[in-house]
């Protein structure tokens, strides 16, 4: 029996024993869709310091940098397609196994795959919110407005250096002349509807996620190193409440010591085999 077959059997046994599951997903589940991850297999950060929430709010130059990089990076997220792992999670929801998906991702690929019970813990990249009047607009509208106000962007060579969450590695000088559109309703600052580093996850999302986990038999972590506390807190809750914890992630995680079951087969392979009932070599 191969290692994948062994781990599949272990996961099948886990779900049989704990049939009501909350899933917590991270960047690793979307890697197969072409979206970059933040960390390596050891959980080490791969990039320069990300934009902080306070910087975005208080510095126009930071907003110029963000929206310039996002203009280049957004299409990759917009055009990404859900993969076998996303579809397997949706199937497990339809089968009544997964009661809720708590995702740390902002790509909406779970919803595209068919999952309906999803908490976007860190928000969603496909819309923009005004910090003045709180109105939402579609991210693609922002893309069109950026292109209209900055025709020079279309003449620049598309750089290589795709980063997570629609970011793109660019020299800061490329953003110096970018005109950032304001809210069409009130003239306020526009911000992607995501939780930047240093920002706070809205309390109602955390409360809803905690309540679902309290009612579940187990927590299933998929594709996350759990280095960020916003996700790790649910592993701590599971441990405190005596609930089983299974982690599917090739690299090490912050919650390995808390895990009831630790699986390292790539999530696409393992979850696809789980819903199909077989292992494809």
Protein backbone atom coordinates (compact mmCIF):
# COMPACT_ATOMS: atom_id res chain seq x y z
CA UNK A 1 0.00 0.00 0.00
CA UNK A 2 1.40 3.40 -1.02
CA UNK A 3 1.71 6.32 1.38
CA UNK A 4 -1.13 8.08 -0.42
CA UNK A 5 -3.34 5.03 -0.03
CA UNK A 6 -2.49 4.83 3.66
CA UNK A 7 -3.29 8.49 4.20
CA UNK A 8 -6.54 8.14 2.24
CA UNK A 9 -7.60 5.29 4.50
CA UNK A 10 -6.72 7.36 7.55
CA UNK A 11 -8.78 10.30 6.32
CA UNK A 12 -11.72 8.05 5.47
CA UNK A 13 -11.57 6.56 8.97
CA UNK A 14 -11.36 10.06 10.47
CA UNK A 15 -14.52 11.22 8.68
CA UNK A 16 -16.35 8.03 9.59
CA UNK A 17 -15.53 8.62 13.23
CA UNK A 18 -16.14 12.39 13.08
CA UNK A 19 -18.91 12.90 10.50
CA UNK A 20 -19.64 16.59 11.16
CA UNK A 21 -16.65 18.62 10.08
CA UNK A 22 -15.67 22.28 9.81
CA UNK A 23 -12.98 22.87 7.19
CA UNK A 24 -10.32 25.58 7.50
CA UNK A 25 -8.51 26.27 4.25
CA UNK A 26 -5.43 28.28 3.33
CA UNK A 27 -3.36 29.31 0.34
CA UNK A 28 -2.21 25.75 -0.33
CA UNK A 29 -5.63 24.69 -1.58
CA UNK A 30 -5.48 27.32 -4.32
CA UNK A 31 -1.88 26.66 -5.38
CA UNK A 32 -3.14 24.15 -7.95
CA UNK A 33 -5.20 26.96 -9.49
CA UNK A 34 -2.06 28.98 -10.17
CA UNK A 35 -2.34 31.34 -7.21
CA UNK A 36 0.95 31.80 -5.36
CA UNK A 37 1.34 30.92 -1.68
CA UNK A 38 2.90 33.16 0.97
CA UNK A 39 5.21 30.61 2.60
CA UNK A 40 7.51 27.71 1.79
CA UNK A 41 7.16 24.16 3.11
CA UNK A 42 8.80 25.16 6.38
CA UNK A 43 6.35 28.00 6.90
CA UNK A 44 8.92 30.70 6.09
CA UNK A 45 7.69 33.93 4.50
CA UNK A 46 8.72 34.15 0.84
CA UNK A 47 8.32 37.85 0.06
CA UNK A 48 9.11 41.35 1.24
CA UNK A 49 6.99 42.89 3.99
CA UNK A 50 3.35 43.08 2.84
CA UNK A 51 1.29 46.26 2.88
CA UNK A 52 -0.04 46.98 6.34
CA UNK A 53 -3.57 48.15 7.08
CA UNK A 54 -2.51 51.43 8.70
CA UNK A 55 -0.13 52.22 5.84
CA UNK A 56 -2.91 51.85 3.29
CA UNK A 57 -5.21 54.12 5.27
CA UNK A 58 -2.73 56.91 5.92
CA UNK A 59 -0.31 57.04 2.97
CA UNK A 60 -1.38 57.99 -0.55
CA UNK A 61 1.88 56.59 -1.93
CA UNK A 62 1.09 53.20 -0.42
CA UNK A 63 -2.33 53.22 -2.09
CA UNK A 64 -0.67 54.13 -5.39
CA UNK A 65 1.70 51.20 -4.97
CA UNK A 66 -1.07 48.80 -4.03
CA UNK A 67 -3.40 49.66 -6.92
CA UNK A 68 -0.59 49.68 -9.49
CA UNK A 69 0.53 46.23 -8.42
CA UNK A 70 -3.07 45.06 -8.24
CA UNK A 71 -3.78 46.30 -11.77
CA UNK A 72 -1.19 43.83 -13.02
CA UNK A 73 -1.98 41.06 -10.54
CA UNK A 74 -5.79 41.04 -10.38
CA UNK A 75 -6.41 39.30 -13.74
CA UNK A 76 -4.66 36.13 -12.55
CA UNK A 77 -7.07 35.86 -9.60
CA UNK A 78 -10.07 36.90 -11.67
CA UNK A 79 -9.36 34.25 -14.28
CA UNK A 80 -8.33 31.45 -11.90
CA UNK A 81 -10.43 28.31 -11.88
CA UNK A 82 -11.26 26.10 -8.94
CA UNK A 83 -9.28 22.86 -8.80
CA UNK A 84 -10.02 19.30 -7.71
CA UNK A 85 -9.50 20.13 -4.03
CA UNK A 86 -12.06 22.96 -4.11
CA UNK A 87 -14.51 20.71 -5.92
CA UNK A 88 -13.95 17.90 -3.42
CA UNK A 89 -14.70 20.26 -0.54
CA UNK A 90 -17.93 21.29 -2.28
CA UNK A 91 -18.85 17.62 -2.74
CA UNK A 92 -18.22 16.91 0.94
CA UNK A 93 -20.51 19.81 1.81
CA UNK A 94 -23.21 18.39 -0.46
CA UNK A 95 -22.78 15.02 1.26
CA UNK A 96 -23.33 16.63 4.64
CA UNK A 97 -19.80 16.01 5.92
CA UNK A 98 -18.45 19.55 5.79
CA UNK A 99 -20.84 21.86 7.60
CA UNK A 100 -18.86 25.07 7.05
CA UNK A 101 -15.74 26.21 5.20
CA UNK A 102 -13.66 28.88 6.92
CA UNK A 103 -11.25 30.09 4.28
CA UNK A 104 -8.27 32.35 4.79
CA UNK A 105 -8.17 32.90 1.03
CA UNK A 106 -9.71 35.89 -0.73
CA UNK A 107 -10.01 34.30 -4.19
CA UNK A 108 -13.63 33.01 -3.93
CA UNK A 109 -12.62 29.71 -5.52
CA UNK A 110 -14.64 27.72 -3.00
CA UNK A 111 -17.79 29.49 -4.14
CA UNK A 112 -16.89 28.97 -7.80
CA UNK A 113 -16.52 25.27 -7.06
CA UNK A 114 -20.03 25.09 -5.59
CA UNK A 115 -19.54 25.53 -1.84
CA UNK A 116 -22.28 27.66 -0.29
CA UNK A 117 -21.51 27.54 3.44
CA UNK A 118 -18.34 29.63 3.38
CA UNK A 119 -16.90 32.30 5.64
CA UNK A 120 -14.37 34.47 3.81
CA UNK A 121 -12.35 35.12 6.95
CA UNK A 122 -10.03 37.66 5.35
CA UNK A 123 -12.57 39.11 2.93
CA UNK A 124 -12.87 38.86 -0.82
CA UNK A 125 -10.73 40.34 -3.55
CA UNK A 126 -13.51 40.55 -6.12
CA UNK A 127 -15.01 43.72 -4.69
CA UNK A 128 -13.93 47.13 -3.43
CA UNK A 129 -15.36 49.15 -0.56
CA UNK A 130 -15.39 52.88 0.06
CA UNK A 131 -13.97 53.82 3.44
CA UNK A 132 -16.22 56.87 3.47
CA UNK A 133 -19.74 55.76 2.57
CA UNK A 134 -19.12 51.96 2.80
CA UNK A 135 -20.52 51.37 -0.72
CA UNK A 136 -19.29 48.26 -2.54
CA UNK A 137 -18.29 48.10 -6.19
CA UNK A 138 -17.07 45.23 -8.33
CA UNK A 139 -13.30 44.84 -8.54
CA UNK A 140 -13.49 44.63 -12.32
CA UNK A 141 -15.06 48.10 -12.39
CA UNK A 142 -12.03 49.35 -10.47
CA UNK A 143 -9.80 47.68 -13.05
CA UNK A 144 -11.55 49.56 -15.83
CA UNK A 145 -11.33 52.86 -13.96
CA UNK A 146 -7.63 52.35 -13.29
CA UNK A 147 -7.06 51.65 -16.99
CA UNK A 148 -9.06 54.75 -18.00
CA UNK A 149 -7.20 57.05 -15.61
CA UNK A 150 -3.78 55.48 -16.27
CA UNK A 151 -3.49 54.61 -19.97
CA UNK A 152 0.27 54.29 -19.58
CA UNK A 153 -0.18 51.08 -17.56
CA UNK A 154 -1.29 49.20 -20.67
CA UNK A 155 1.92 50.20 -22.45
CA UNK A 156 4.18 48.72 -19.79
CA UNK A 157 5.58 45.23 -20.06
CA UNK A 158 3.68 42.83 -17.81
CA UNK A 159 6.22 41.85 -15.18
CA UNK A 160 6.93 38.39 -13.92
CA UNK A 161 6.57 38.03 -10.21
CA UNK A 162 3.01 37.05 -9.38
CA UNK A 163 2.41 37.10 -5.65
CA UNK A 164 -0.50 35.91 -3.53
CA UNK A 165 -3.84 37.70 -3.47
CA UNK A 166 -3.51 39.51 -6.79
CA UNK A 167 -0.25 41.24 -5.90
CA UNK A 168 2.64 41.65 -8.33
CA UNK A 169 6.32 42.37 -7.70
CA UNK A 170 7.04 45.83 -9.16
CA UNK A 171 9.63 48.57 -8.66
CA UNK A 172 8.09 51.34 -6.56
CA UNK A 173 8.96 53.86 -9.27
CA UNK A 174 6.35 52.29 -11.54
CA UNK A 175 3.57 53.49 -9.25
CA UNK A 176 4.72 57.07 -8.71
CA UNK A 177 2.46 58.52 -11.40
CA UNK A 178 -0.56 56.25 -10.88
CA UNK A 179 -3.86 58.06 -10.39
CA UNK A 180 -6.03 56.14 -7.91
CA UNK A 181 -9.77 56.54 -8.53
CA UNK A 182 -11.94 57.74 -5.67
CA UNK A 183 -15.45 56.60 -4.76
CA UNK A 184 -17.88 57.79 -7.42
CA UNK A 185 -20.58 58.32 -4.80
CA UNK A 186 -18.76 60.35 -2.14
CA UNK A 187 -15.14 60.84 -3.23
CA UNK A 188 -13.84 58.61 -0.45
CA UNK A 189 -10.86 56.28 -0.39
CA UNK A 190 -11.41 52.91 -2.07
CA UNK A 191 -9.96 49.77 -0.52
CA UNK A 192 -10.16 46.12 -1.55
CA UNK A 193 -12.66 44.27 0.63
CA UNK A 194 -9.91 42.30 2.33
CA UNK A 195 -8.20 42.28 5.72
CA UNK A 196 -4.70 43.59 5.22
CA UNK A 197 -1.89 42.48 7.51
CA UNK A 198 -2.26 44.38 10.75
CA UNK A 199 -6.02 44.68 10.27
CA UNK A 200 -8.72 42.94 12.29
CA UNK A 201 -11.05 40.21 11.09
CA UNK A 202 -14.65 41.42 11.63
CA UNK A 203 -15.94 40.01 14.91
CA UNK A 204 -19.12 38.58 13.40
CA UNK A 205 -17.10 36.29 11.11
CA UNK A 206 -15.10 34.94 14.02
CA UNK A 207 -18.21 34.48 16.15
CA UNK A 208 -20.00 32.55 13.40
CA UNK A 209 -16.95 30.36 12.76
CA UNK A 210 -16.47 29.60 16.45
CA UNK A 211 -20.12 28.65 16.85
CA UNK A 212 -19.98 26.27 13.89
CA UNK A 213 -16.84 24.61 15.24
CA UNK A 214 -18.43 24.25 18.67
CA UNK A 215 -21.28 22.29 17.04
CA UNK A 216 -18.98 20.13 14.91
CA UNK A 217 -17.18 16.88 15.68
CA UNK A 218 -13.85 17.90 14.18
CA UNK A 219 -11.78 20.53 12.40
CA UNK A 220 -10.14 19.68 9.08
CA UNK A 221 -7.31 22.01 8.05
CA UNK A 222 -6.45 22.01 4.35
CA UNK A 223 -3.46 23.75 2.79
CA UNK A 224 -2.43 26.11 5.57
CA UNK A 225 0.74 26.53 7.60
CA UNK A 226 -1.43 28.24 10.26
CA UNK A 227 1.30 30.79 10.93
CA UNK A 228 -1.27 33.59 11.13
CA UNK A 229 -3.25 33.67 14.36
CA UNK A 230 -6.58 34.37 12.62
CA UNK A 231 -6.64 30.76 11.43
CA UNK A 232 -4.58 29.14 14.19
CA UNK A 233 -7.12 30.28 16.80
CA UNK A 234 -9.59 27.68 15.53
CA UNK A 235 -7.06 24.90 16.07
CA UNK A 236 -6.62 26.11 19.63
CA UNK A 237 -10.40 26.15 20.06
CA UNK A 238 -10.67 22.59 18.77
CA UNK A 239 -8.00 21.44 21.20
CA UNK A 240 -9.58 23.29 24.12
CA UNK A 241 -12.99 21.75 23.37
CA UNK A 242 -11.59 18.24 22.95
CA UNK A 243 -12.40 18.05 19.26
CA UNK A 244 -10.41 16.08 16.74
CA UNK A 245 -8.07 17.99 14.42
CA UNK A 246 -6.86 16.69 11.06
CA UNK A 247 -4.31 18.66 9.05
CA UNK A 248 -3.72 18.08 5.32
CA UNK A 249 -0.62 20.04 4.34
CA UNK A 250 2.72 18.90 2.85
CA UNK A 251 4.80 21.30 4.95
CA UNK A 252 4.97 21.81 8.69
CA UNK A 253 2.30 23.86 10.44
CA UNK A 254 1.97 25.82 13.64
CA UNK A 255 -0.64 23.35 14.92
CA UNK A 256 1.19 20.07 14.26
CA UNK A 257 1.51 19.40 17.99
CA UNK A 258 -2.27 19.73 18.38
CA UNK A 259 -3.21 17.43 15.50
CA UNK A 260 -5.11 14.19 15.95
CA UNK A 261 -4.20 13.23 12.38
CA UNK A 262 -1.37 14.68 10.28
CA UNK A 263 -1.44 14.04 6.52
CA UNK A 264 1.15 15.25 3.99
CA UNK A 265 -0.26 14.08 0.67
CA UNK A 266 -1.07 17.12 -1.53
CA UNK A 267 -4.67 18.14 -0.90
CA UNK A 268 -5.77 17.90 -4.54
CA UNK A 269 -4.65 14.27 -4.69
CA UNK A 270 -6.00 13.26 -1.30
CA UNK A 271 -9.37 15.03 -1.37
CA UNK A 272 -10.11 14.05 -4.95
CA UNK A 273 -9.40 10.43 -4.06
CA UNK A 274 -11.58 10.74 -0.96
CA UNK A 275 -14.70 11.82 -2.86
CA UNK A 276 -14.03 9.39 -5.69
CA UNK A 277 -13.24 6.54 -3.36
CA UNK A 278 -9.97 5.64 -5.06
CA UNK A 279 -6.35 6.65 -5.58
CA UNK A 280 -5.07 7.55 -9.03
CA UNK A 281 -1.38 6.90 -9.47
